Amino acid sequence: MKKTTLYLFVGVFMMNWACKNENTTQIEEEKTEVVVNEGEKNENEFDLTSIPVSNHELGKFPYFSLPENLKNQNNPIEKEFETLYIPIDGKFQPIDGKVWKSNIVADNTSGSTWSLPLFYKNYDAILTEVGGVKIFDGKLDAEQLKYLSDNATYLGEDGSIDYWNEPVKVYVIRRENGDDIFVQISGNSASGKIQILQKEAFKSTISLLNADEIEKALTEQGKVTLHINFDTDKASLKKDGIIAVNEIMAALKNEPNLNIEINGYTDNTGTAEHNLNLSKQRAETVKNELIKNGIAENRLKSNGFGQENPIADNTTDSGKAQNRRVELVKF
């Protein structure tokens, strides 16, 4: 009887262990399956490349006239290069390119009154006709609005959309060469806003000065502005930044009586305190690099002024690029 009881206990234990082991294996397999699936693309994720390309001839930028009996409230704003934040799949995406934007109102001289539905229908009709596709229609959530406030710098000028209070309709006209056209429109009971962006990659217009040009500018003008590339938000030099410092070094070796103060500047991205410290560190980096390569320390001074004294518009990428600079001043 005791042996029978013992055998029965062992049998039950083995069955429970086997079931537990099987369940554990199943759980592990399910975990593995989840991990694999996490790396896969969500089928519901919006894909801009799925939109058909339009080869419709559009003419000259900004491509579209105003609807009949409407006018620009003020002079439209047109910029050769700007960054707009455009809702795509419910999330703001920064897109660069040529921009036109304006506030639109009724032309009272014609006796007409403002109609928001008519404003929307006019643009929907023409954009659809040329191959445009509506990719967003509605309001943005609080997280996206905070993201916009933290990153966009142009809010408030004519044509700026009130994402906080007005729904926005976004269209895209895909082009074969990649310079897609984005159109954002919104409105209220009194007026409308429209933004047109022709997508375009940023092209720097800043060129590197050589040693002779640096020496000449310092000798004749007492000052020269250089755009030395550092790693993003750091004081370490990029490869072409080292090349620029080598040109400064060559200029100082060519003219032994030339002493310089190295002044660093940033754009206005980030806090003023952070930018001030970063500009000082970058100026110090240039100074130390020159000393390391044989320039006497008593010929050099360094300082930083952060985002103060901008030389270009900080609301555009091209302007920000110009403001991120190092100025050499003869002393």
Protein backbone atom coordinates (compact mmCIF):
# COMPACT_ATOMS: atom_id res chain seq x y z
CA MET A 1 0.00 0.00 0.00
CA LYS A 2 2.79 2.42 0.80
CA LYS A 3 4.55 1.60 -2.44
CA THR A 4 1.34 2.25 -4.39
CA THR A 5 0.93 5.62 -2.67
CA LEU A 6 4.54 6.55 -3.45
CA TYR A 7 4.22 5.59 -7.13
CA LEU A 8 1.01 7.61 -7.40
CA PHE A 9 2.69 10.70 -5.87
CA VAL A 10 5.67 10.44 -8.22
CA GLY A 11 3.36 10.04 -11.23
CA VAL A 12 1.34 13.13 -10.33
CA PHE A 13 4.55 15.14 -9.74
CA MET A 14 5.97 14.13 -13.13
CA MET A 15 2.73 15.05 -14.90
CA ASN A 16 2.64 18.48 -13.23
CA TRP A 17 6.30 19.10 -14.09
CA ALA A 18 5.72 18.15 -17.71
CA CYS A 19 2.70 20.46 -17.98
CA LYS A 20 4.56 23.31 -16.33
CA ASN A 21 7.53 22.83 -18.64
CA GLU A 22 5.24 22.72 -21.67
CA ASN A 23 3.50 25.93 -20.57
CA THR A 24 6.84 27.63 -19.95
CA THR A 25 8.03 26.63 -23.41
CA GLN A 26 4.80 27.96 -24.91
CA ILE A 27 5.19 31.28 -23.07
CA GLU A 28 8.79 31.59 -24.26
CA GLU A 29 7.68 30.90 -27.83
CA GLU A 30 4.97 33.56 -27.51
CA LYS A 31 7.54 36.04 -26.17
CA THR A 32 9.84 35.28 -29.08
CA GLU A 33 6.99 35.78 -31.51
CA VAL A 34 6.21 39.20 -30.01
CA VAL A 35 9.83 40.30 -30.30
CA VAL A 36 9.92 39.30 -33.96
CA ASN A 37 6.66 41.08 -34.68
CA GLU A 38 7.87 44.30 -33.01
CA GLY A 39 10.46 44.70 -35.76
CA GLU A 40 7.88 44.42 -38.50
CA LYS A 41 6.28 47.47 -40.10
CA ASN A 42 2.81 48.33 -38.87
CA GLU A 43 0.39 47.74 -41.74
CA ASN A 44 -1.60 50.81 -40.66
CA GLU A 45 1.43 53.10 -40.74
CA PHE A 46 1.08 55.86 -43.34
CA ASP A 47 3.43 55.54 -46.32
CA LEU A 48 3.86 58.73 -48.37
CA THR A 49 5.40 56.75 -51.23
CA SER A 50 2.09 54.91 -51.68
CA ILE A 51 0.55 58.09 -53.11
CA PRO A 52 0.54 58.17 -56.94
CA VAL A 53 3.01 60.53 -58.60
CA SER A 54 1.48 63.53 -60.38
CA ASN A 55 3.05 64.76 -63.62
CA HIS A 56 0.50 67.54 -64.05
CA GLU A 57 2.04 70.77 -65.34
CA LEU A 58 1.69 73.32 -62.53
CA GLY A 59 3.43 76.43 -63.82
CA LYS A 60 5.23 78.90 -61.59
CA PHE A 61 5.45 78.72 -57.79
CA PRO A 62 3.19 79.14 -55.75
CA TYR A 63 1.16 77.50 -58.56
CA PHE A 64 -2.40 78.48 -57.57
CA SER A 65 -4.35 81.72 -57.81
CA LEU A 66 -6.78 82.71 -55.07
CA PRO A 67 -10.44 81.67 -55.41
CA GLU A 68 -12.75 84.25 -56.91
CA ASN A 69 -13.83 87.11 -54.60
CA LEU A 70 -11.03 86.38 -52.10
CA LYS A 71 -7.81 88.32 -51.49
CA ASN A 72 -4.63 88.29 -49.41
CA GLN A 73 -5.23 90.17 -46.17
CA ASN A 74 -1.62 91.43 -46.24
CA ASN A 75 1.38 90.83 -48.45
CA PRO A 76 1.99 87.06 -48.70
CA ILE A 77 5.18 85.75 -47.14
CA GLU A 78 7.49 83.98 -49.59
CA LYS A 79 10.83 82.44 -48.60
CA GLU A 80 13.35 80.67 -50.77
CA PHE A 81 14.03 78.23 -47.94
CA GLU A 82 12.05 77.53 -44.80
CA THR A 83 11.18 74.64 -42.48
CA LEU A 84 7.47 74.00 -42.03
CA TYR A 85 6.01 71.51 -39.57
CA ILE A 86 3.40 69.52 -41.47
CA PRO A 87 1.01 66.96 -39.94
CA ILE A 88 1.57 63.59 -41.60
CA ASP A 89 -0.35 60.65 -40.16
CA GLY A 90 -1.24 62.83 -37.17
CA LYS A 91 2.34 63.73 -36.33
CA PHE A 92 4.26 66.91 -37.17
CA GLN A 93 7.14 66.35 -39.59
CA PRO A 94 9.68 69.13 -40.33
CA ILE A 95 9.93 69.57 -44.10
CA ASP A 96 12.31 71.98 -45.85
CA GLY A 97 11.73 73.89 -49.04
CA LYS A 98 10.46 77.00 -50.76
CA VAL A 99 7.45 78.45 -48.92
CA TRP A 100 4.51 80.73 -49.68
CA LYS A 101 1.89 81.51 -47.06
CA SER A 102 -0.86 84.04 -46.51
CA ASN A 103 -4.00 85.02 -44.63
CA ILE A 104 -7.02 84.96 -46.96
CA VAL A 105 -10.15 87.11 -46.54
CA ALA A 106 -13.21 88.11 -48.56
CA ASP A 107 -12.74 90.88 -51.11
CA ASN A 108 -15.34 93.30 -49.77
CA THR A 109 -14.97 95.57 -52.79
CA SER A 110 -16.80 92.92 -54.80
CA GLY A 111 -19.61 92.80 -52.26
CA SER A 112 -18.81 89.20 -51.34
CA THR A 113 -18.76 87.73 -47.84
CA TRP A 114 -16.49 85.10 -46.37
CA SER A 115 -17.53 81.45 -46.69
CA LEU A 116 -15.27 78.84 -45.09
CA PRO A 117 -16.94 75.85 -46.84
CA LEU A 118 -16.47 77.56 -50.22
CA PHE A 119 -12.83 78.28 -49.37
CA TYR A 120 -12.25 74.59 -48.56
CA LYS A 121 -14.15 73.29 -51.60
CA ASN A 122 -12.22 75.52 -54.02
CA TYR A 123 -8.84 74.25 -52.87
CA ASP A 124 -9.99 70.65 -52.58
CA ALA A 125 -11.23 70.77 -56.19
CA ILE A 126 -8.07 72.27 -57.72
CA LEU A 127 -5.66 70.15 -55.66
CA THR A 128 -7.53 66.96 -56.51
CA GLU A 129 -7.59 67.96 -60.19
CA VAL A 130 -3.78 68.18 -60.34
CA GLY A 131 -3.21 64.89 -58.54
CA GLY A 132 -3.09 66.10 -54.95
CA VAL A 133 -4.15 63.76 -52.16
CA LYS A 134 -5.49 64.79 -48.75
CA ILE A 135 -3.27 63.17 -46.11
CA PHE A 136 -4.62 64.81 -42.95
CA ASP A 137 -7.85 66.47 -41.86
CA GLY A 138 -8.44 67.43 -38.25
CA LYS A 139 -6.76 68.65 -35.09
CA LEU A 140 -3.50 67.60 -33.43
CA ASP A 141 -3.28 66.16 -29.93
CA ALA A 142 -1.65 67.92 -26.96
CA GLU A 143 1.64 66.05 -27.34
CA GLN A 144 2.00 67.18 -30.95
CA LEU A 145 1.06 70.77 -30.12
CA LYS A 146 3.77 70.87 -27.45
CA TYR A 147 6.26 69.46 -29.96
CA LEU A 148 5.33 72.25 -32.37
CA SER A 149 5.70 74.94 -29.70
CA ASP A 150 9.12 73.61 -28.69
CA ASN A 151 10.50 73.42 -32.22
CA ALA A 152 8.81 75.82 -34.65
CA THR A 153 10.11 79.40 -34.66
CA TYR A 154 7.92 81.10 -37.25
CA LEU A 155 4.55 80.88 -35.47
CA GLY A 156 2.52 84.08 -35.49
CA GLU A 157 3.39 85.57 -38.86
CA ASP A 158 0.87 85.82 -41.71
CA GLY A 159 -0.24 82.44 -42.94
CA SER A 160 0.59 80.68 -39.67
CA ILE A 161 -2.05 78.09 -38.88
CA ASP A 162 -3.74 78.12 -35.49
CA TYR A 163 -3.39 74.39 -34.80
CA TRP A 164 -4.63 74.95 -31.24
CA ASN A 165 -8.09 76.13 -32.29
CA GLU A 166 -8.60 75.27 -35.97
CA PRO A 167 -8.65 71.96 -37.83
CA VAL A 168 -6.13 71.75 -40.66
CA LYS A 169 -6.38 70.05 -44.03
CA VAL A 170 -3.11 68.85 -45.55
CA TYR A 171 -2.58 67.81 -49.17
CA VAL A 172 0.47 66.50 -50.97
CA ILE A 173 1.22 66.47 -54.68
CA ARG A 174 3.90 63.83 -55.21
CA ARG A 175 6.43 64.61 -57.94
CA GLU A 176 8.62 62.17 -59.81
CA ASN A 177 11.88 63.98 -58.97
CA GLY A 178 11.10 64.11 -55.22
CA ASP A 179 10.30 67.82 -54.92
CA ASP A 180 6.83 67.08 -53.53
CA ILE A 181 4.40 69.93 -52.93
CA PHE A 182 2.61 70.22 -49.58
CA VAL A 183 -0.42 72.45 -49.08
CA GLN A 184 -1.94 73.23 -45.66
CA ILE A 185 -5.19 75.14 -45.31
CA SER A 186 -7.28 76.11 -42.30
CA GLY A 187 -9.86 78.71 -41.45
CA ASN A 188 -12.55 80.10 -39.20
CA SER A 189 -15.69 82.19 -39.52
CA ALA A 190 -13.76 85.27 -40.71
CA SER A 191 -10.69 84.18 -42.72
CA GLY A 192 -8.52 81.36 -43.95
CA LYS A 193 -4.82 80.50 -44.02
CA ILE A 194 -2.85 78.71 -46.68
CA GLN A 195 0.72 77.43 -46.75
CA ILE A 196 2.39 76.01 -49.87
CA LEU A 197 5.76 74.28 -49.61
CA GLN A 198 7.86 73.00 -52.51
CA LYS A 199 10.12 70.37 -50.94
CA GLU A 200 13.81 71.03 -51.49
CA ALA A 201 17.01 69.90 -49.80
CA PHE A 202 19.09 72.57 -48.06
CA LYS A 203 22.13 73.71 -50.04
CA SER A 204 24.78 75.66 -48.17
CA THR A 205 25.91 78.90 -49.81
CA ILE A 206 28.84 79.31 -47.43
CA SER A 207 32.33 78.71 -48.80
CA LEU A 208 35.57 78.07 -46.91
CA LEU A 209 38.14 80.90 -46.91
CA ASN A 210 41.77 79.93 -47.49
CA ALA A 211 44.79 81.17 -45.54
CA ASP A 212 45.57 84.06 -47.93
CA GLU A 213 41.99 85.36 -47.77
CA ILE A 214 41.92 85.10 -43.98
CA GLU A 215 45.23 86.96 -43.67
CA LYS A 216 44.12 89.67 -46.09
CA ALA A 217 40.77 90.23 -44.31
CA LEU A 218 42.44 90.45 -40.89
CA THR A 219 45.17 92.76 -42.12
CA GLU A 220 42.90 95.12 -44.05
CA GLN A 221 39.62 94.93 -42.13
CA GLY A 222 40.72 93.62 -38.74
CA LYS A 223 38.04 90.95 -38.77
CA VAL A 224 36.90 87.85 -40.68
CA THR A 225 33.87 85.56 -40.27
CA LEU A 226 34.32 81.81 -40.71
CA HIS A 227 31.85 78.95 -40.65
CA ILE A 228 33.68 76.13 -38.94
CA ASN A 229 31.82 72.85 -38.66
CA PHE A 230 31.55 71.24 -35.23
CA ASP A 231 29.72 68.10 -34.24
CA THR A 232 26.06 68.85 -33.50
CA ASP A 233 25.65 70.49 -30.09
CA LYS A 234 29.30 69.74 -29.24
CA ALA A 235 32.64 71.56 -29.27
CA SER A 236 34.48 68.83 -31.19
CA LEU A 237 35.58 69.66 -34.73
CA LYS A 238 34.33 67.82 -37.78
CA LYS A 239 36.80 66.82 -40.49
CA ASP A 240 36.18 69.93 -42.60
CA GLY A 241 36.25 72.00 -39.39
CA ILE A 242 39.84 70.84 -38.83
CA ILE A 243 40.64 71.92 -42.41
CA ALA A 244 39.29 75.40 -41.62
CA VAL A 245 41.43 75.64 -38.47
CA ASN A 246 44.48 74.61 -40.50
CA GLU A 247 43.83 77.58 -42.81
CA ILE A 248 43.77 79.91 -39.78
CA MET A 249 47.03 78.37 -38.59
CA ALA A 250 48.63 78.91 -42.01
CA ALA A 251 47.52 82.55 -42.02
CA LEU A 252 49.06 83.13 -38.57
CA LYS A 253 52.31 81.47 -39.61
CA ASN A 254 52.45 83.60 -42.77
CA GLU A 255 52.12 86.77 -40.66
CA PRO A 256 53.99 86.35 -37.32
CA ASN A 257 52.85 89.77 -36.05
CA LEU A 258 49.17 88.89 -36.40
CA ASN A 259 47.34 88.23 -33.10
CA ILE A 260 43.69 87.22 -33.02
CA GLU A 261 40.73 86.89 -30.69
CA ILE A 262 38.54 83.89 -31.54
CA ASN A 263 34.85 84.63 -30.88
CA GLY A 264 32.25 81.86 -31.06
CA TYR A 265 28.55 82.27 -31.92
CA THR A 266 25.58 79.92 -32.21
CA ASP A 267 22.05 80.05 -33.59
CA ASN A 268 19.11 80.36 -31.20
CA THR A 269 18.30 76.64 -30.93
CA GLY A 270 18.22 75.70 -27.23
CA THR A 271 18.53 77.95 -24.19
CA ALA A 272 20.61 81.13 -24.15
CA GLU A 273 22.75 79.80 -21.28
CA HIS A 274 23.51 76.56 -23.10
CA ASN A 275 24.38 78.40 -26.31
CA LEU A 276 26.69 80.80 -24.44
CA ASN A 277 28.64 77.93 -22.90
CA LEU A 278 28.75 76.04 -26.20
CA SER A 279 30.10 79.06 -28.09
CA LYS A 280 32.85 79.56 -25.49
CA GLN A 281 33.82 75.89 -25.65
CA ARG A 282 33.98 75.97 -29.45
CA ALA A 283 36.15 79.09 -29.48
CA GLU A 284 38.41 77.43 -26.90
CA THR A 285 38.64 74.33 -29.10
CA VAL A 286 39.88 76.41 -32.03
CA LYS A 287 42.39 78.18 -29.80
CA ASN A 288 43.73 74.92 -28.35
CA GLU A 289 44.02 73.36 -31.81
CA LEU A 290 46.13 76.31 -32.97
CA ILE A 291 48.36 76.12 -29.89
CA LYS A 292 48.79 72.38 -30.41
CA ASN A 293 50.05 73.10 -33.93
CA GLY A 294 52.68 75.61 -32.95
CA ILE A 295 50.95 79.00 -32.57
CA ALA A 296 52.14 80.82 -29.44
CA GLU A 297 49.43 81.11 -26.78
CA ASN A 298 50.08 84.83 -26.22
CA ARG A 299 48.96 85.49 -29.80
CA LEU A 300 45.50 84.10 -29.11
CA LYS A 301 42.41 84.93 -27.07
CA SER A 302 39.03 83.19 -27.11
CA ASN A 303 35.51 84.10 -26.07
CA GLY A 304 31.92 83.12 -26.77
CA PHE A 305 28.72 85.13 -27.22
CA GLY A 306 26.14 82.40 -27.77
CA GLN A 307 23.11 83.45 -29.80
CA GLU A 308 23.77 87.18 -29.41
CA ASN A 309 24.37 89.41 -32.44
CA PRO A 310 22.87 87.19 -35.18
CA ILE A 311 23.89 88.09 -38.72
CA ALA A 312 20.96 86.29 -40.40
CA ASP A 313 17.34 85.24 -39.81
CA ASN A 314 17.20 82.55 -37.11
CA THR A 315 13.79 81.36 -38.34
CA THR A 316 15.30 79.61 -41.38
CA ASP A 317 17.84 76.80 -41.70
CA SER A 318 20.04 78.87 -43.99
CA GLY A 319 19.96 81.75 -41.50
CA LYS A 320 20.80 79.46 -38.60
CA ALA A 321 23.75 78.07 -40.59
CA GLN A 322 25.14 81.58 -41.04
CA ASN A 323 24.71 82.42 -37.35
CA ARG A 324 26.74 79.36 -36.31
CA ARG A 325 30.08 81.02 -36.88
CA VAL A 326 33.52 81.90 -35.56
CA GLU A 327 34.72 85.48 -35.90
CA LEU A 328 38.43 86.26 -35.84
CA VAL A 329 39.28 89.77 -34.63
CA LYS A 330 42.79 91.23 -34.82
CA PHE A 331 44.21 92.67 -31.59
